[in-house]
Amino acid sequence: MFGIDIFDASLVPSMLVALVAGLLSFLSPCVLPIVPPYLAYMGGVTVSDMQDGEDKASRRALGSALFFVLGLSTVFLFLGFTASAFGRFFLSNQDWFVTIAGVVIMVFGAHFLGVYRIGIMDREMRMEAGDRGGSMFGAYILGLA
């Protein structure tokens, strides 16, 4: 079609390279850490519910998975939109940011060593989600996180 051959000698090696690249990206430190929370969130639907063929459970899991992916996509879209503007700003003010980052690291290091205590750093905040599975909106928020 249009004088382009899709199936040629380079297709199989290209598909293998794409498969290996996909596996490596899944196992990367950017993706692998979000797999357990994702699976735990989707745990609101049990495996037996899925195996029994309950249509409602399957739709719920699929909907939650879709909203989780939408949440991740939202974050990466916003990161892509703002990356060059932030990059220019940070490069133009790089000297200031290096100095400020050094001071912040020293302050946090002193807090960690117990030289002095920063009260807000010793607080703990948790949200109780309960025992039931999450909602589609919750899956979106988890994807954003």
Protein backbone atom coordinates (compact mmCIF):
# COMPACT_ATOMS: atom_id res chain seq x y z
CA MET A 1 0.00 0.00 0.00
CA PHE A 2 1.44 3.39 -1.05
CA GLY A 3 4.64 1.58 -2.10
CA ILE A 4 5.62 0.77 1.53
CA ASP A 5 6.25 -2.79 2.60
CA ILE A 6 5.37 -3.25 6.27
CA PHE A 7 6.58 -6.82 6.55
CA ASP A 8 10.26 -6.96 5.72
CA ALA A 9 13.44 -8.37 7.24
CA SER A 10 13.71 -5.60 9.84
CA LEU A 11 10.25 -6.15 11.37
CA VAL A 12 11.06 -9.11 13.63
CA PRO A 13 14.26 -7.59 15.11
CA SER A 14 12.43 -4.29 15.62
CA MET A 15 9.59 -6.05 17.44
CA LEU A 16 12.08 -7.89 19.66
CA VAL A 17 13.88 -4.66 20.49
CA ALA A 18 10.55 -3.00 21.31
CA LEU A 19 9.57 -5.95 23.55
CA VAL A 20 12.87 -5.85 25.44
CA ALA A 21 12.64 -2.05 25.78
CA GLY A 22 9.11 -2.39 27.15
CA LEU A 23 10.20 -4.98 29.70
CA LEU A 24 13.17 -2.86 30.77
CA SER A 25 10.99 0.22 31.14
CA PHE A 26 8.50 -1.77 33.24
CA LEU A 27 11.32 -2.96 35.50
CA SER A 28 12.80 0.55 35.76
CA PRO A 29 12.84 2.47 39.08
CA CYS A 30 10.23 4.85 37.64
CA VAL A 31 7.58 2.20 36.98
CA LEU A 32 8.20 -0.79 39.23
CA PRO A 33 7.62 1.06 42.55
CA ILE A 34 4.09 2.07 41.48
CA VAL A 35 3.06 -1.50 40.65
CA PRO A 36 2.44 -2.67 44.28
CA PRO A 37 0.25 0.34 45.21
CA TYR A 38 -1.63 -0.08 41.96
CA LEU A 39 -2.23 -3.77 42.62
CA ALA A 40 -3.14 -3.08 46.24
CA TYR A 41 -5.63 -0.44 45.15
CA MET A 42 -7.11 -2.77 42.60
CA GLY A 43 -7.32 -5.35 45.39
CA GLY A 44 -10.80 -4.05 46.14
CA VAL A 45 -11.86 -6.70 43.63
CA THR A 46 -10.75 -10.16 44.70
CA VAL A 47 -9.21 -12.71 42.36
CA SER A 48 -12.10 -15.09 43.00
CA ASP A 49 -14.56 -12.37 41.94
CA MET A 50 -12.62 -11.97 38.71
CA GLN A 51 -12.39 -15.74 38.14
CA ASP A 52 -16.10 -16.25 38.84
CA GLY A 53 -16.74 -13.97 35.91
CA GLU A 54 -18.65 -11.35 37.86
CA ASP A 55 -19.28 -8.67 35.25
CA LYS A 56 -19.63 -5.86 37.80
CA ALA A 57 -16.27 -6.68 39.43
CA SER A 58 -14.53 -6.81 36.05
CA ARG A 59 -16.00 -3.47 34.99
CA ARG A 60 -15.02 -1.91 38.31
CA ALA A 61 -11.43 -3.14 38.04
CA LEU A 62 -11.21 -2.03 34.41
CA GLY A 63 -12.66 1.39 35.22
CA SER A 64 -10.28 1.87 38.15
CA ALA A 65 -7.33 0.83 35.97
CA LEU A 66 -8.40 3.32 33.30
CA PHE A 67 -8.66 6.18 35.79
CA PHE A 68 -5.29 5.23 37.32
CA VAL A 69 -3.67 5.47 33.89
CA LEU A 70 -5.46 8.79 33.29
CA GLY A 71 -4.01 10.11 36.55
CA LEU A 72 -0.49 9.06 35.53
CA SER A 73 -1.00 10.55 32.07
CA THR A 74 -2.17 13.86 33.56
CA VAL A 75 1.01 14.16 35.61
CA PHE A 76 3.28 13.35 32.67
CA LEU A 77 1.41 15.74 30.37
CA PHE A 78 1.81 18.60 32.83
CA LEU A 79 5.47 17.70 33.32
CA GLY A 80 5.98 17.80 29.57
CA PHE A 81 4.19 21.15 29.22
CA THR A 82 6.28 22.85 31.88
CA ALA A 83 9.68 21.19 31.45
CA SER A 84 11.27 23.69 29.07
CA ALA A 85 10.01 26.77 30.94
CA PHE A 86 11.29 25.45 34.26
CA GLY A 87 14.52 24.34 32.61
CA ARG A 88 15.24 27.83 31.32
CA PHE A 89 14.38 29.38 34.69
CA PHE A 90 16.54 26.96 36.67
CA LEU A 91 19.49 27.29 34.30
CA SER A 92 19.40 31.07 34.47
CA ASN A 93 19.33 30.95 38.31
CA GLN A 94 21.49 27.86 38.79
CA ASP A 95 23.99 29.51 41.15
CA TRP A 96 21.26 30.56 43.57
CA PHE A 97 19.63 27.13 43.52
CA VAL A 98 22.93 25.34 44.23
CA THR A 99 23.53 27.59 47.26
CA ILE A 100 19.96 27.21 48.56
CA ALA A 101 20.03 23.43 48.06
CA GLY A 102 23.30 23.20 50.00
CA VAL A 103 21.84 25.15 52.94
CA VAL A 104 18.67 23.02 52.94
CA ILE A 105 20.73 19.81 52.94
CA MET A 106 22.83 21.06 55.87
CA VAL A 107 19.70 22.04 57.85
CA PHE A 108 18.03 18.68 57.21
CA GLY A 109 21.29 16.85 58.03
CA ALA A 110 21.57 18.65 61.36
CA HIS A 111 17.94 17.78 62.11
CA PHE A 112 18.57 14.14 61.20
CA LEU A 113 21.65 14.00 63.47
CA GLY A 114 19.71 15.53 66.36
CA VAL A 115 21.71 18.76 66.59
CA TYR A 116 18.33 20.49 66.81
CA ARG A 117 14.76 19.44 66.10
CA ILE A 118 12.40 20.92 63.53
CA GLY A 119 8.93 20.28 64.93
CA ILE A 120 7.10 19.99 61.63
CA MET A 121 9.60 17.35 60.46
CA ASP A 122 8.66 15.07 63.37
CA ARG A 123 4.95 14.96 62.52
CA GLU A 124 3.17 12.06 60.89
CA MET A 125 0.09 12.38 58.73
CA ARG A 126 -2.02 9.45 57.58
CA MET A 127 -5.38 8.98 55.97
CA GLU A 128 -7.49 6.01 56.86
CA ALA A 129 -8.94 4.50 53.70
CA GLY A 130 -10.94 1.77 55.39
CA ASP A 131 -11.20 -1.88 54.40
CA ARG A 132 -13.21 -1.53 51.21
CA GLY A 133 -11.75 -1.02 47.75
CA GLY A 134 -11.33 2.42 46.29
CA SER A 135 -13.36 4.41 43.84
CA MET A 136 -12.51 5.47 40.29
CA PHE A 137 -11.78 8.98 41.54
CA GLY A 138 -9.45 7.46 44.14
CA ALA A 139 -7.68 5.54 41.36
CA TYR A 140 -7.17 8.83 39.51
CA ILE A 141 -5.74 10.47 42.65
CA LEU A 142 -3.45 7.45 43.20
CA GLY A 143 -2.27 7.80 39.61
CA LEU A 144 -1.52 11.47 40.24
CA ALA A 145 0.51 10.50 43.30
